[in-house]
């Protein structure tokens, strides 16, 4: 599994900036920028969503699968990274229930892949904050059992 490393001082500064920005205004987040050294990713800096060029952000919102932030990965590369990581987890833990936590776009990319939806249309999928999405992986491929669950018994979503 790929490891992501962020120096403690940068992490604390990013969390502090997120805390200040999100306080009673709106949900905030950050893009992490860095480099890859083999299986290890090193975060060099974080850019808060609020600081991203609005025109660039608008391009991303209506992006095709091959669009990328300058110096970043394309949506296709992100989907490949996410679905490959999920496949490795499924192989490593056959028959187990696996919990993976992420931001909305990687989850949307996994759901799009599981549904066979072209990645150019993945912005049509909505993933709610702190919601639960359930994808079952079996010999016939992935099955989306639930999206945006916010509570109740997980058994109803096919989990044991």
N, C-alpha and C. Protein backbone atom coordinates (compact mmCIF):
# COMPACT_ATOMS: atom_id res chain seq x y z
N UNK A 1 0.85 -1.17 0.00
CA UNK A 1 0.00 0.00 0.00
C UNK A 1 0.89 1.24 0.00
N UNK A 2 0.51 2.24 -0.75
CA UNK A 2 1.28 3.47 -0.82
C UNK A 2 1.16 4.24 0.49
N UNK A 3 2.27 4.73 0.95
CA UNK A 3 2.32 5.50 2.20
C UNK A 3 2.40 6.99 1.85
N UNK A 4 1.67 7.80 2.59
CA UNK A 4 1.74 9.24 2.42
C UNK A 4 2.35 9.84 3.67
N UNK A 5 3.37 10.65 3.47
CA UNK A 5 4.09 11.26 4.59
C UNK A 5 3.93 12.78 4.52
N UNK A 6 3.64 13.38 5.65
CA UNK A 6 3.59 14.84 5.76
C UNK A 6 4.32 15.22 7.04
N UNK A 7 5.30 16.11 6.95
CA UNK A 7 6.00 16.53 8.17
C UNK A 7 5.02 17.08 9.21
N UNK A 8 5.29 16.78 10.46
CA UNK A 8 4.40 17.14 11.56
C UNK A 8 4.08 18.64 11.57
N UNK A 9 5.08 19.49 11.39
CA UNK A 9 4.86 20.94 11.43
C UNK A 9 3.90 21.37 10.32
N UNK A 10 4.06 20.81 9.12
CA UNK A 10 3.16 21.15 8.01
C UNK A 10 1.74 20.67 8.30
N UNK A 11 1.62 19.46 8.86
CA UNK A 11 0.31 18.90 9.20
C UNK A 11 -0.40 19.79 10.21
N UNK A 12 0.31 20.19 11.26
CA UNK A 12 -0.30 21.04 12.29
C UNK A 12 -0.73 22.38 11.71
N UNK A 13 0.11 22.97 10.85
CA UNK A 13 -0.22 24.26 10.25
C UNK A 13 -1.46 24.11 9.36
N UNK A 14 -1.53 23.03 8.57
CA UNK A 14 -2.68 22.79 7.70
C UNK A 14 -3.96 22.60 8.52
N UNK A 15 -3.89 21.79 9.57
CA UNK A 15 -5.07 21.59 10.42
C UNK A 15 -5.51 22.89 11.07
N UNK A 16 -4.56 23.68 11.52
CA UNK A 16 -4.89 24.97 12.12
C UNK A 16 -5.57 25.89 11.10
N UNK A 17 -5.00 25.96 9.89
CA UNK A 17 -5.61 26.79 8.85
C UNK A 17 -7.02 26.31 8.51
N UNK A 18 -7.20 24.99 8.43
CA UNK A 18 -8.54 24.46 8.14
C UNK A 18 -9.51 24.80 9.26
N UNK A 19 -9.06 24.70 10.50
CA UNK A 19 -9.92 25.01 11.65
C UNK A 19 -10.36 26.47 11.60
N UNK A 20 -9.41 27.36 11.34
CA UNK A 20 -9.71 28.79 11.29
C UNK A 20 -10.68 29.09 10.14
N UNK A 21 -10.42 28.53 8.96
CA UNK A 21 -11.24 28.82 7.79
C UNK A 21 -12.65 28.25 7.91
N UNK A 22 -12.79 27.08 8.52
CA UNK A 22 -14.09 26.43 8.52
C UNK A 22 -14.99 26.89 9.65
N UNK A 23 -14.45 27.58 10.62
CA UNK A 23 -15.22 27.99 11.80
C UNK A 23 -16.46 28.79 11.39
N UNK A 24 -17.59 28.20 11.51
CA UNK A 24 -18.91 28.80 11.27
C UNK A 24 -19.08 29.42 9.89
N UNK A 25 -18.26 29.06 8.92
CA UNK A 25 -18.41 29.60 7.58
C UNK A 25 -18.98 28.54 6.64
N UNK A 26 -18.24 27.49 6.42
CA UNK A 26 -18.64 26.39 5.55
C UNK A 26 -17.64 25.26 5.71
N UNK A 27 -17.95 24.15 5.10
CA UNK A 27 -17.00 23.04 5.11
C UNK A 27 -15.79 23.46 4.31
N UNK A 28 -14.62 23.15 4.79
CA UNK A 28 -13.41 23.49 4.06
C UNK A 28 -12.55 22.25 3.93
N UNK A 29 -11.60 22.31 3.07
CA UNK A 29 -10.68 21.20 2.85
C UNK A 29 -9.44 21.71 2.18
N UNK A 30 -8.56 20.79 1.81
CA UNK A 30 -7.30 21.18 1.20
C UNK A 30 -6.86 20.14 0.19
N UNK A 31 -6.21 20.60 -0.84
CA UNK A 31 -5.51 19.72 -1.77
C UNK A 31 -4.10 19.57 -1.25
N UNK A 32 -3.59 18.36 -1.21
CA UNK A 32 -2.22 18.12 -0.76
C UNK A 32 -1.35 17.96 -2.00
N UNK A 33 -0.26 18.71 -2.04
CA UNK A 33 0.65 18.69 -3.17
C UNK A 33 1.99 18.13 -2.72
N UNK A 34 2.62 17.36 -3.56
CA UNK A 34 3.91 16.81 -3.18
C UNK A 34 4.50 15.98 -4.29
N UNK A 35 5.31 15.03 -3.90
CA UNK A 35 6.00 14.19 -4.88
C UNK A 35 5.92 12.74 -4.45
N UNK A 36 6.28 11.87 -5.36
CA UNK A 36 6.26 10.44 -5.10
C UNK A 36 7.68 9.92 -5.17
N UNK A 37 8.04 9.10 -4.20
CA UNK A 37 9.35 8.45 -4.17
C UNK A 37 9.08 6.96 -4.02
N UNK A 38 8.96 6.26 -5.15
CA UNK A 38 8.61 4.85 -5.10
C UNK A 38 7.19 4.68 -4.59
N UNK A 39 7.04 3.92 -3.51
CA UNK A 39 5.73 3.69 -2.91
C UNK A 39 5.37 4.74 -1.87
N UNK A 40 6.21 5.73 -1.67
CA UNK A 40 5.98 6.74 -0.63
C UNK A 40 5.66 8.08 -1.29
N UNK A 41 4.63 8.73 -0.79
CA UNK A 41 4.29 10.08 -1.24
C UNK A 41 4.67 11.04 -0.14
N UNK A 42 5.30 12.14 -0.51
CA UNK A 42 5.70 13.14 0.48
C UNK A 42 4.96 14.44 0.18
N UNK A 43 4.19 14.91 1.14
CA UNK A 43 3.42 16.14 0.97
C UNK A 43 4.34 17.33 1.18
N UNK A 44 4.39 18.20 0.19
CA UNK A 44 5.23 19.39 0.27
C UNK A 44 4.44 20.59 0.79
N UNK A 45 3.17 20.66 0.42
CA UNK A 45 2.33 21.76 0.88
C UNK A 45 0.87 21.41 0.70
N UNK A 46 0.03 22.17 1.36
CA UNK A 46 -1.40 22.02 1.21
C UNK A 46 -1.99 23.34 0.76
N UNK A 47 -2.94 23.27 -0.16
CA UNK A 47 -3.62 24.47 -0.62
C UNK A 47 -5.08 24.34 -0.21
N UNK A 48 -5.56 25.29 0.57
CA UNK A 48 -6.96 25.26 1.00
C UNK A 48 -7.87 25.49 -0.20
N UNK A 49 -9.02 24.83 -0.19
CA UNK A 49 -9.96 24.97 -1.30
C UNK A 49 -10.24 26.44 -1.59
N UNK A 50 -10.37 27.23 -0.54
CA UNK A 50 -10.69 28.65 -0.70
C UNK A 50 -9.61 29.42 -1.46
N UNK A 51 -8.39 28.89 -1.48
CA UNK A 51 -7.27 29.58 -2.12
C UNK A 51 -7.03 29.16 -3.56
N UNK A 52 -7.80 28.18 -4.05
CA UNK A 52 -7.63 27.72 -5.42
C UNK A 52 -8.25 28.75 -6.36
N UNK A 53 -7.57 29.01 -7.46
CA UNK A 53 -8.05 29.93 -8.48
C UNK A 53 -9.47 29.50 -8.88
N UNK A 54 -10.47 30.40 -8.73
CA UNK A 54 -11.87 30.02 -9.03
C UNK A 54 -12.07 29.51 -10.45
N UNK A 55 -11.34 30.06 -11.42
CA UNK A 55 -11.49 29.59 -12.80
C UNK A 55 -10.94 28.18 -12.96
N UNK A 56 -9.81 27.91 -12.30
CA UNK A 56 -9.23 26.57 -12.34
C UNK A 56 -10.15 25.58 -11.66
N UNK A 57 -10.72 25.98 -10.53
CA UNK A 57 -11.65 25.11 -9.80
C UNK A 57 -12.89 24.83 -10.65
N UNK A 58 -13.39 25.84 -11.38
CA UNK A 58 -14.56 25.65 -12.25
C UNK A 58 -14.23 24.67 -13.37
N UNK A 59 -13.01 24.73 -13.91
CA UNK A 59 -12.59 23.78 -14.94
C UNK A 59 -12.65 22.36 -14.38
N UNK A 60 -12.16 22.20 -13.16
CA UNK A 60 -12.14 20.88 -12.53
C UNK A 60 -13.56 20.36 -12.31
N UNK A 61 -14.47 21.24 -11.91
CA UNK A 61 -15.85 20.84 -11.66
C UNK A 61 -16.52 20.28 -12.91
N UNK A 62 -16.08 20.72 -14.08
CA UNK A 62 -16.67 20.27 -15.35
C UNK A 62 -15.65 19.50 -16.17
N UNK A 63 -14.70 18.90 -15.50
CA UNK A 63 -13.56 18.28 -16.15
C UNK A 63 -13.90 16.95 -16.79
N UNK A 64 -13.14 16.65 -17.81
CA UNK A 64 -13.16 15.32 -18.39
C UNK A 64 -12.14 14.45 -17.66
N UNK A 65 -12.13 13.19 -18.00
CA UNK A 65 -11.30 12.22 -17.29
C UNK A 65 -9.80 12.52 -17.38
N UNK A 66 -9.37 13.20 -18.43
CA UNK A 66 -7.94 13.44 -18.60
C UNK A 66 -7.47 14.80 -18.09
N UNK A 67 -8.40 15.62 -17.58
CA UNK A 67 -8.02 16.94 -17.06
C UNK A 67 -7.23 16.76 -15.77
N UNK A 68 -6.29 17.65 -15.54
CA UNK A 68 -5.51 17.59 -14.31
C UNK A 68 -5.18 18.99 -13.82
N UNK A 69 -5.07 19.12 -12.50
CA UNK A 69 -4.52 20.35 -11.94
C UNK A 69 -3.06 20.42 -12.36
N UNK A 70 -2.53 21.61 -12.58
CA UNK A 70 -1.12 21.71 -12.96
C UNK A 70 -0.24 20.96 -11.95
N UNK A 71 0.55 20.03 -12.46
CA UNK A 71 1.45 19.26 -11.61
C UNK A 71 0.79 18.13 -10.84
N UNK A 72 -0.52 17.94 -11.02
CA UNK A 72 -1.24 16.90 -10.27
C UNK A 72 -1.60 15.72 -11.15
N UNK A 73 -2.38 14.80 -10.60
CA UNK A 73 -2.80 13.64 -11.36
C UNK A 73 -4.11 13.91 -12.07
N UNK A 74 -4.35 13.18 -13.15
CA UNK A 74 -5.63 13.30 -13.86
C UNK A 74 -6.70 12.55 -13.08
N UNK A 75 -7.95 12.80 -13.44
CA UNK A 75 -9.05 12.07 -12.81
C UNK A 75 -8.92 10.58 -13.08
N UNK A 76 -8.49 10.21 -14.29
CA UNK A 76 -8.28 8.80 -14.62
C UNK A 76 -7.20 8.20 -13.74
N UNK A 77 -6.10 8.92 -13.54
CA UNK A 77 -5.03 8.42 -12.67
C UNK A 77 -5.51 8.28 -11.23
N UNK A 78 -6.32 9.24 -10.77
CA UNK A 78 -6.86 9.16 -9.41
C UNK A 78 -7.76 7.95 -9.28
N UNK A 79 -8.64 7.72 -10.26
CA UNK A 79 -9.53 6.57 -10.21
C UNK A 79 -8.74 5.26 -10.22
N UNK A 80 -7.71 5.19 -11.03
CA UNK A 80 -6.87 3.99 -11.07
C UNK A 80 -6.19 3.77 -9.73
N UNK A 81 -5.68 4.83 -9.12
CA UNK A 81 -5.03 4.72 -7.81
C UNK A 81 -6.01 4.20 -6.76
N UNK A 82 -7.22 4.76 -6.75
CA UNK A 82 -8.23 4.38 -5.75
C UNK A 82 -8.71 2.94 -5.97
N UNK A 83 -9.09 2.61 -7.19
CA UNK A 83 -9.62 1.27 -7.44
C UNK A 83 -8.54 0.21 -7.30
N UNK A 84 -7.29 0.53 -7.60
CA UNK A 84 -6.19 -0.42 -7.39
C UNK A 84 -5.97 -0.66 -5.90
N UNK A 85 -6.03 0.40 -5.11
CA UNK A 85 -5.88 0.25 -3.65
C UNK A 85 -7.01 -0.61 -3.09
N UNK A 86 -8.24 -0.38 -3.54
CA UNK A 86 -9.37 -1.19 -3.08
C UNK A 86 -9.19 -2.65 -3.48
N UNK A 87 -8.73 -2.89 -4.71
CA UNK A 87 -8.52 -4.28 -5.17
C UNK A 87 -7.45 -4.97 -4.32
N UNK A 88 -6.39 -4.25 -3.97
CA UNK A 88 -5.35 -4.84 -3.11
C UNK A 88 -5.92 -5.18 -1.73
N UNK A 89 -6.76 -4.30 -1.18
CA UNK A 89 -7.37 -4.57 0.12
C UNK A 89 -8.28 -5.80 0.07
N UNK A 90 -9.06 -5.92 -1.00
CA UNK A 90 -9.96 -7.06 -1.15
C UNK A 90 -9.16 -8.35 -1.24
N UNK A 91 -8.06 -8.34 -1.98
CA UNK A 91 -7.21 -9.53 -2.09
C UNK A 91 -6.54 -9.87 -0.76
N UNK A 92 -6.16 -8.86 -0.03
CA UNK A 92 -5.47 -9.06 1.24
C UNK A 92 -6.41 -9.55 2.34
N UNK A 93 -7.70 -9.22 2.22
CA UNK A 93 -8.69 -9.57 3.26
C UNK A 93 -9.91 -10.24 2.62
N UNK A 94 -9.75 -11.42 2.03
CA UNK A 94 -10.88 -12.05 1.33
C UNK A 94 -12.06 -12.33 2.27
N UNK A 95 -13.23 -11.95 1.80
CA UNK A 95 -14.45 -12.20 2.56
C UNK A 95 -14.69 -11.26 3.73
N UNK A 96 -13.76 -10.35 3.98
CA UNK A 96 -13.88 -9.45 5.13
C UNK A 96 -14.62 -8.18 4.74
N UNK A 97 -15.18 -7.51 5.74
CA UNK A 97 -15.73 -6.17 5.56
C UNK A 97 -14.58 -5.20 5.75
N UNK A 98 -14.35 -4.36 4.78
CA UNK A 98 -13.24 -3.40 4.81
C UNK A 98 -13.82 -2.00 4.87
N UNK A 99 -13.28 -1.19 5.74
CA UNK A 99 -13.70 0.21 5.84
C UNK A 99 -12.59 1.08 5.28
N UNK A 100 -12.91 1.89 4.30
CA UNK A 100 -11.97 2.85 3.73
C UNK A 100 -12.58 4.23 3.87
N UNK A 101 -11.80 5.18 4.29
CA UNK A 101 -12.28 6.55 4.52
C UNK A 101 -11.60 7.49 3.54
N UNK A 102 -12.37 8.37 2.94
CA UNK A 102 -11.80 9.28 1.94
C UNK A 102 -12.69 10.50 1.77
N UNK A 103 -12.21 11.42 0.95
CA UNK A 103 -13.01 12.56 0.53
C UNK A 103 -13.99 12.09 -0.54
N UNK A 104 -14.89 12.94 -0.92
CA UNK A 104 -15.98 12.57 -1.83
C UNK A 104 -15.49 12.14 -3.22
N UNK A 105 -14.55 12.86 -3.82
CA UNK A 105 -14.19 12.54 -5.20
C UNK A 105 -13.57 11.16 -5.38
N UNK A 106 -12.66 10.71 -4.53
CA UNK A 106 -12.19 9.33 -4.68
C UNK A 106 -13.32 8.31 -4.50
N UNK A 107 -14.27 8.58 -3.62
CA UNK A 107 -15.40 7.68 -3.44
C UNK A 107 -16.26 7.71 -4.70
N UNK A 108 -16.52 8.90 -5.25
CA UNK A 108 -17.29 9.01 -6.49
C UNK A 108 -16.60 8.25 -7.62
N UNK A 109 -15.27 8.32 -7.68
CA UNK A 109 -14.52 7.60 -8.72
C UNK A 109 -14.67 6.09 -8.55
N UNK A 110 -14.66 5.60 -7.31
CA UNK A 110 -14.84 4.17 -7.06
C UNK A 110 -16.27 3.73 -7.42
N UNK A 111 -17.25 4.55 -7.08
CA UNK A 111 -18.64 4.25 -7.40
C UNK A 111 -18.83 4.24 -8.93
N UNK A 112 -18.28 5.25 -9.60
CA UNK A 112 -18.38 5.31 -11.06
C UNK A 112 -17.79 4.06 -11.70
N UNK A 113 -16.63 3.64 -11.22
CA UNK A 113 -15.99 2.44 -11.73
C UNK A 113 -16.89 1.22 -11.50
N UNK A 114 -17.41 1.08 -10.28
CA UNK A 114 -18.25 -0.07 -9.94
C UNK A 114 -19.53 -0.11 -10.78
N UNK A 115 -20.06 1.06 -11.10
CA UNK A 115 -21.29 1.14 -11.90
C UNK A 115 -21.04 1.10 -13.41
N UNK A 116 -19.77 1.24 -13.81
CA UNK A 116 -19.46 1.30 -15.23
C UNK A 116 -19.79 2.64 -15.85
N UNK A 117 -19.87 3.67 -15.02
CA UNK A 117 -20.18 5.03 -15.49
C UNK A 117 -18.88 5.67 -15.99
N UNK A 118 -18.88 6.25 -17.18
CA UNK A 118 -17.66 6.91 -17.65
C UNK A 118 -17.22 7.99 -16.67
N UNK A 119 -15.93 8.08 -16.45
CA UNK A 119 -15.40 9.03 -15.49
C UNK A 119 -15.72 10.47 -15.87
N UNK A 120 -15.96 10.73 -17.14
CA UNK A 120 -16.35 12.08 -17.56
C UNK A 120 -17.67 12.51 -16.91
N UNK A 121 -18.45 11.56 -16.42
CA UNK A 121 -19.75 11.86 -15.82
C UNK A 121 -19.75 11.70 -14.31
N UNK A 122 -18.59 11.47 -13.68
CA UNK A 122 -18.58 11.17 -12.25
C UNK A 122 -19.05 12.34 -11.39
N UNK A 123 -19.04 13.57 -11.90
CA UNK A 123 -19.53 14.70 -11.11
C UNK A 123 -21.05 14.62 -10.92
N UNK A 124 -21.72 13.73 -11.63
CA UNK A 124 -23.16 13.55 -11.44
C UNK A 124 -23.47 12.70 -10.20
N UNK A 125 -22.44 12.08 -9.65
CA UNK A 125 -22.60 11.27 -8.44
C UNK A 125 -22.36 12.18 -7.25
N UNK A 126 -23.24 12.14 -6.28
CA UNK A 126 -23.11 12.98 -5.08
C UNK A 126 -22.81 12.07 -3.89
N UNK A 127 -21.77 12.41 -3.16
CA UNK A 127 -21.41 11.68 -1.94
C UNK A 127 -21.54 12.67 -0.79
N UNK A 128 -22.42 12.39 0.13
CA UNK A 128 -22.67 13.27 1.26
C UNK A 128 -21.55 13.21 2.30
N UNK A 129 -21.38 14.31 3.00
CA UNK A 129 -20.39 14.39 4.06
C UNK A 129 -20.68 13.33 5.13
N UNK A 130 -19.65 12.58 5.49
CA UNK A 130 -19.71 11.56 6.54
C UNK A 130 -20.75 10.47 6.25
N UNK A 131 -21.07 10.27 4.97
CA UNK A 131 -22.02 9.22 4.61
C UNK A 131 -21.28 7.91 4.38
N UNK A 132 -22.05 6.85 4.26
CA UNK A 132 -21.49 5.52 4.06
C UNK A 132 -21.88 5.04 2.66
N UNK A 133 -20.87 4.59 1.93
CA UNK A 133 -21.07 3.99 0.61
C UNK A 133 -20.60 2.55 0.72
N UNK A 134 -21.38 1.61 0.21
CA UNK A 134 -21.04 0.20 0.31
C UNK A 134 -20.90 -0.38 -1.10
N UNK A 135 -19.72 -0.94 -1.38
CA UNK A 135 -19.46 -1.61 -2.64
C UNK A 135 -19.00 -3.03 -2.30
N UNK A 136 -19.70 -4.02 -2.82
CA UNK A 136 -19.33 -5.42 -2.61
C UNK A 136 -18.48 -5.87 -3.80
N UNK A 137 -17.36 -6.51 -3.50
CA UNK A 137 -16.46 -7.01 -4.55
C UNK A 137 -16.55 -8.52 -4.58
N UNK A 138 -16.94 -9.07 -5.72
CA UNK A 138 -17.08 -10.51 -5.86
C UNK A 138 -16.49 -10.97 -7.17
N UNK A 139 -16.61 -12.26 -7.45
CA UNK A 139 -16.02 -12.82 -8.66
C UNK A 139 -16.60 -12.24 -9.96
N UNK A 140 -17.82 -11.72 -9.88
CA UNK A 140 -18.44 -11.14 -11.08
C UNK A 140 -18.24 -9.64 -11.18
N UNK A 141 -17.42 -9.08 -10.29
CA UNK A 141 -17.16 -7.65 -10.31
C UNK A 141 -17.82 -6.95 -9.14
N UNK A 142 -17.64 -5.64 -9.07
CA UNK A 142 -18.19 -4.88 -7.94
C UNK A 142 -19.69 -4.64 -8.09
N UNK A 143 -20.37 -4.58 -6.95
CA UNK A 143 -21.79 -4.24 -6.90
C UNK A 143 -21.97 -3.10 -5.91
N UNK A 144 -22.63 -2.03 -6.31
CA UNK A 144 -22.91 -0.92 -5.41
C UNK A 144 -24.16 -1.27 -4.63
N UNK A 145 -23.99 -1.46 -3.31
CA UNK A 145 -25.11 -1.84 -2.46
C UNK A 145 -25.78 -0.65 -1.79
N UNK A 146 -25.04 0.45 -1.65
CA UNK A 146 -25.62 1.62 -1.02
C UNK A 146 -24.72 2.83 -1.18
N UNK A 147 -25.35 3.99 -1.29
CA UNK A 147 -24.64 5.26 -1.41
C UNK A 147 -25.33 6.27 -0.51
N UNK A 148 -24.56 7.04 0.23
CA UNK A 148 -25.05 8.13 1.06
C UNK A 148 -25.89 7.69 2.26
N UNK A 149 -25.63 6.49 2.76
CA UNK A 149 -26.32 6.07 3.97
C UNK A 149 -25.84 6.94 5.12
N UNK A 150 -26.77 7.39 5.93
CA UNK A 150 -26.40 8.28 7.05
C UNK A 150 -26.72 7.66 8.40
N UNK A 151 -27.16 6.43 8.42
CA UNK A 151 -27.46 5.82 9.70
C UNK A 151 -28.26 4.56 9.54
N UNK A 152 -28.68 4.03 10.64
CA UNK A 152 -29.44 2.80 10.60
C UNK A 152 -28.52 1.60 10.65
N UNK A 153 -29.10 0.44 10.54
CA UNK A 153 -28.34 -0.80 10.62
C UNK A 153 -27.55 -1.01 9.34
N UNK A 154 -26.26 -1.23 9.50
CA UNK A 154 -25.42 -1.49 8.32
C UNK A 154 -25.76 -2.82 7.68
N UNK A 155 -26.38 -3.73 8.42
CA UNK A 155 -26.77 -5.02 7.85
C UNK A 155 -27.73 -4.81 6.68
N UNK A 156 -28.52 -3.75 6.73
CA UNK A 156 -29.45 -3.46 5.63
C UNK A 156 -28.71 -3.13 4.34
N UNK A 157 -27.43 -2.77 4.46
CA UNK A 157 -26.62 -2.46 3.29
C UNK A 157 -25.80 -3.66 2.84
N UNK A 158 -26.04 -4.80 3.43
CA UNK A 158 -25.31 -5.99 3.02
C UNK A 158 -24.07 -6.26 3.85
N UNK A 159 -23.89 -5.53 4.95
CA UNK A 159 -22.72 -5.74 5.81
C UNK A 159 -23.08 -6.69 6.93
N UNK A 160 -22.11 -7.47 7.34
CA UNK A 160 -22.35 -8.36 8.48
C UNK A 160 -21.45 -8.00 9.62
